[in-house]
Amino acid sequence: MKNIKFTNLAVFIIFFGIALIEAVQKQNWLEAGLFLALGVLSLWADFRTNRP
């Protein structure tokens, strides 16, 4: 599948992006930090180059 990176990015934007925006709007900084950390970890796992 050639579109796997685009699919992962789309899922990231939909789930983590919307959750992060909602947490910031509610000024729930702990939740916003959690979603930001999980989003960065997810992107790092998707785009790292040394995959088996």
Protein backbone atom coordinates (compact mmCIF):
# COMPACT_ATOMS: atom_id res chain seq x y z
CA MET A 1 0.00 0.00 0.00
CA LYS A 2 1.54 3.30 -1.07
CA ASN A 3 -0.93 5.53 0.82
CA ILE A 4 -0.23 4.15 4.28
CA LYS A 5 1.66 7.27 5.48
CA PHE A 6 -1.11 9.57 4.29
CA THR A 7 -3.69 7.38 6.02
CA ASN A 8 -1.74 7.50 9.28
CA LEU A 9 -1.41 11.26 9.03
CA ALA A 10 -5.13 11.65 8.37
CA VAL A 11 -6.01 9.51 11.39
CA PHE A 12 -3.56 11.53 13.49
CA ILE A 13 -5.13 14.83 12.45
CA ILE A 14 -8.67 13.60 12.98
CA PHE A 15 -8.26 12.00 16.39
CA PHE A 16 -5.35 13.70 18.12
CA GLY A 17 -5.83 17.10 16.49
CA ILE A 18 -9.49 17.42 17.34
CA ALA A 19 -8.95 16.07 20.86
CA LEU A 20 -6.08 18.53 21.40
CA ILE A 21 -8.14 21.48 20.16
CA GLU A 22 -11.04 20.51 22.39
CA ALA A 23 -8.78 20.16 25.44
CA VAL A 24 -7.22 23.59 24.80
CA GLN A 25 -10.64 25.18 24.39
CA LYS A 26 -11.73 23.72 27.73
CA GLN A 27 -8.40 24.89 29.21
CA ASN A 28 -7.71 21.39 30.46
CA TRP A 29 -3.93 21.60 30.23
CA LEU A 30 -3.20 18.11 31.59
CA GLU A 31 -5.40 16.53 28.95
CA ALA A 32 -3.94 18.78 26.25
CA GLY A 33 -0.42 17.77 27.25
CA LEU A 34 -1.40 14.11 27.19
CA PHE A 35 -2.87 14.35 23.69
CA LEU A 36 0.11 16.35 22.47
CA ALA A 37 2.55 13.76 23.84
CA LEU A 38 0.56 10.87 22.39
CA GLY A 39 0.34 12.64 19.04
CA VAL A 40 4.09 13.26 18.87
CA LEU A 41 4.77 9.65 19.86
CA SER A 42 2.34 8.42 17.20
CA LEU A 43 3.91 10.56 14.48
CA TRP A 44 7.40 9.48 15.51
CA ALA A 45 6.38 5.80 15.33
CA ASP A 46 4.76 6.25 11.92
CA PHE A 47 7.58 8.14 10.25
CA ARG A 48 10.74 6.59 11.67
CA THR A 49 13.02 5.22 8.99
CA ASN A 50 14.44 2.04 10.53
CA ARG A 51 11.37 -0.13 10.28
CA PRO A 52 11.88 -3.91 10.18
